[in-house]
Amino acid sequence: METCEMCGMPIKGRPYKAVVDGAEMILCQRCYNKLVKSGRATPVYERKVVQVKKKVERFEGQLELQEGFGEIVKKGRESRGWTQQTLAQKLRISESMLKKIEQEKMKPSINLAKKIEQLLKVRILQPVEYEEMEEGPFHDKVTFGDVVVIRRDED
């Protein structure tokens, strides 16, 4: 469930999009109505909401490096009897870069990690896992309303 970027409450029903002090925000109906009525927000048309939803879908299926990826790469290389120099040449990277990857002082790009997986027949990438937020007023997500003092208009 989406939360209002102004007050932080879960959005019941349709989310509203508006520009507040130059920042595009997703708002609940209550915040949207108050801010638009006071002139502090400008509505954003429905068409843009669809574009934002498409961007969110692109993040699904993202990959990230596993914990201990350096050790996995090192063991995979050693099991094939390859030196760091040999693997670095096959990957078309410098030997010093491979050393840093094995020591986890550097993270390989996703494309490089995929090449490493193919060459060594190991798994160092895993799908990104997102935690669902609990419904209710308390959550870990910082909202605009958490960091500013909101002047409430008298109705």
Protein backbone atom coordinates (compact mmCIF):
# COMPACT_ATOMS: atom_id res chain seq x y z
CA MET A 1 0.00 0.00 0.00
CA GLU A 2 1.32 3.43 -0.89
CA THR A 3 1.87 6.05 1.78
CA CYS A 4 1.35 9.78 1.56
CA GLU A 5 4.71 11.54 1.09
CA MET A 6 3.43 14.50 3.12
CA CYS A 7 1.85 12.97 6.24
CA GLY A 8 3.14 9.38 6.00
CA MET A 9 -0.27 7.76 6.42
CA PRO A 10 -1.35 4.85 4.17
CA ILE A 11 -3.28 6.09 1.15
CA LYS A 12 -6.80 4.71 1.15
CA GLY A 13 -8.35 4.87 -2.28
CA ARG A 14 -6.73 6.71 -5.14
CA PRO A 15 -3.33 8.45 -4.66
CA TYR A 16 -3.05 12.05 -5.86
CA LYS A 17 -0.01 13.60 -7.46
CA ALA A 18 0.88 17.27 -7.00
CA VAL A 19 3.87 19.60 -7.16
CA VAL A 20 4.57 21.01 -3.70
CA ASP A 21 7.29 23.68 -3.49
CA GLY A 22 8.82 22.38 -6.74
CA ALA A 23 8.82 18.71 -5.71
CA GLU A 24 6.44 16.18 -7.28
CA MET A 25 4.76 14.20 -4.50
CA ILE A 26 2.22 11.40 -4.09
CA LEU A 27 -0.41 12.52 -1.59
CA CYS A 28 -3.46 11.22 0.22
CA GLN A 29 -6.77 12.90 -0.58
CA ARG A 30 -6.74 14.94 2.66
CA CYS A 31 -3.25 16.45 2.10
CA TYR A 32 -3.93 16.94 -1.61
CA ASN A 33 -7.18 18.84 -1.00
CA LYS A 34 -5.67 21.06 1.73
CA LEU A 35 -2.53 21.92 -0.25
CA VAL A 36 -4.33 22.59 -3.54
CA LYS A 37 -7.01 24.66 -1.77
CA SER A 38 -4.36 26.78 -0.02
CA GLY A 39 -2.46 27.27 -3.29
CA ARG A 40 0.72 25.58 -2.03
CA ALA A 41 0.35 22.65 -4.45
CA THR A 42 -0.33 22.32 -8.15
CA PRO A 43 -2.15 19.18 -9.36
CA VAL A 44 -0.33 16.85 -11.75
CA TYR A 45 -2.49 15.21 -14.37
CA GLU A 46 -3.36 11.50 -14.31
CA ARG A 47 -1.20 10.73 -17.37
CA LYS A 48 2.00 11.24 -15.37
CA VAL A 49 0.90 8.80 -12.64
CA VAL A 50 0.84 6.01 -15.25
CA GLN A 51 4.41 6.85 -16.30
CA VAL A 52 5.61 6.62 -12.68
CA LYS A 53 3.97 3.20 -12.26
CA LYS A 54 5.89 1.94 -15.31
CA LYS A 55 9.16 3.06 -13.72
CA VAL A 56 8.36 1.13 -10.53
CA GLU A 57 7.70 -2.05 -12.52
CA ARG A 58 11.19 -1.83 -14.07
CA PHE A 59 12.76 -2.31 -10.64
CA GLU A 60 11.11 -5.70 -10.18
CA GLY A 61 13.53 -8.53 -10.89
CA GLN A 62 16.63 -6.50 -10.04
CA LEU A 63 19.73 -8.40 -9.05
CA GLU A 64 22.24 -7.74 -6.28
CA LEU A 65 25.50 -9.36 -5.17
CA GLN A 66 25.33 -12.10 -2.56
CA GLU A 67 27.08 -11.69 0.74
CA GLY A 68 30.56 -13.24 0.47
CA PHE A 69 30.69 -12.90 -3.34
CA GLY A 70 34.48 -12.40 -3.25
CA GLU A 71 35.11 -15.75 -1.61
CA ILE A 72 32.76 -17.46 -4.08
CA VAL A 73 34.71 -15.96 -7.01
CA LYS A 74 38.05 -16.96 -5.47
CA LYS A 75 36.95 -20.56 -4.81
CA GLY A 76 35.44 -20.86 -8.29
CA ARG A 77 38.68 -19.61 -9.87
CA GLU A 78 40.85 -21.92 -7.76
CA SER A 79 38.63 -24.95 -8.48
CA ARG A 80 39.37 -24.45 -12.19
CA GLY A 81 43.09 -24.09 -11.48
CA TRP A 82 43.19 -20.54 -12.87
CA THR A 83 45.40 -17.75 -11.60
CA GLN A 84 44.01 -14.27 -11.03
CA GLN A 85 45.82 -13.21 -14.18
CA THR A 86 44.11 -15.94 -16.26
CA LEU A 87 40.61 -15.10 -15.03
CA ALA A 88 41.22 -11.37 -15.42
CA GLN A 89 42.24 -11.91 -19.06
CA LYS A 90 39.14 -14.01 -19.73
CA LEU A 91 36.96 -11.30 -18.18
CA ARG A 92 38.92 -8.53 -19.98
CA ILE A 93 39.59 -6.65 -16.75
CA SER A 94 42.81 -5.82 -14.93
CA GLU A 95 44.31 -8.24 -12.46
CA SER A 96 44.20 -5.57 -9.74
CA MET A 97 40.46 -5.16 -10.32
CA LEU A 98 39.94 -8.91 -9.90
CA LYS A 99 41.99 -8.84 -6.67
CA LYS A 100 39.75 -6.08 -5.32
CA ILE A 101 36.63 -8.04 -6.29
CA GLU A 102 37.89 -11.19 -4.55
CA GLN A 103 38.73 -9.12 -1.44
CA GLU A 104 35.31 -7.41 -1.71
CA LYS A 105 36.99 -4.01 -1.77
CA MET A 106 35.15 -3.44 -5.05
CA LYS A 107 31.78 -4.63 -6.31
CA PRO A 108 31.60 -5.77 -9.93
CA SER A 109 28.87 -4.33 -12.14
CA ILE A 110 25.88 -6.60 -12.75
CA ASN A 111 27.13 -7.30 -16.30
CA LEU A 112 30.61 -8.24 -15.05
CA ALA A 113 29.07 -10.39 -12.30
CA LYS A 114 27.05 -12.25 -14.95
CA LYS A 115 30.26 -12.91 -16.94
CA ILE A 116 31.95 -14.21 -13.79
CA GLU A 117 29.00 -16.52 -13.13
CA GLN A 118 29.15 -17.90 -16.69
CA LEU A 119 32.90 -18.48 -16.70
CA LEU A 120 33.19 -20.01 -13.22
CA LYS A 121 29.74 -21.69 -13.12
CA VAL A 122 29.00 -20.08 -9.74
CA ARG A 123 26.18 -17.93 -8.35
CA ILE A 124 27.09 -14.50 -6.99
CA LEU A 125 23.90 -12.65 -7.99
CA GLN A 126 20.55 -12.97 -6.29
CA PRO A 127 17.19 -11.23 -6.79
CA VAL A 128 16.63 -8.10 -4.74
CA GLU A 129 14.15 -8.75 -1.97
CA TYR A 130 11.87 -5.95 -0.86
CA GLU A 131 10.27 -6.01 2.55
CA GLU A 132 6.58 -5.21 2.76
CA MET A 133 5.84 -2.33 5.10
CA GLU A 134 3.28 -2.91 7.79
CA GLU A 135 0.15 -0.87 7.53
CA GLY A 136 -0.36 1.78 10.15
CA PRO A 137 1.05 5.13 11.17
CA PHE A 138 4.47 3.77 12.22
CA HIS A 139 6.96 2.80 9.53
CA ASP A 140 10.64 3.07 8.62
CA LYS A 141 10.11 5.24 5.55
CA VAL A 142 10.92 8.93 6.04
CA THR A 143 8.35 11.22 4.49
CA PHE A 144 8.42 14.92 3.69
CA GLY A 145 6.10 15.46 6.64
CA ASP A 146 8.63 13.88 9.02
CA VAL A 147 11.26 16.52 8.32
CA VAL A 148 9.28 19.74 8.00
CA VAL A 149 6.88 21.63 10.19
CA ILE A 150 3.51 21.75 8.49
CA ARG A 151 1.47 24.89 8.94
CA ARG A 152 -2.13 23.75 9.25
CA ASP A 153 -4.75 26.05 7.79
CA GLU A 154 -7.82 26.61 9.91
CA ASP A 155 -10.85 25.16 8.12
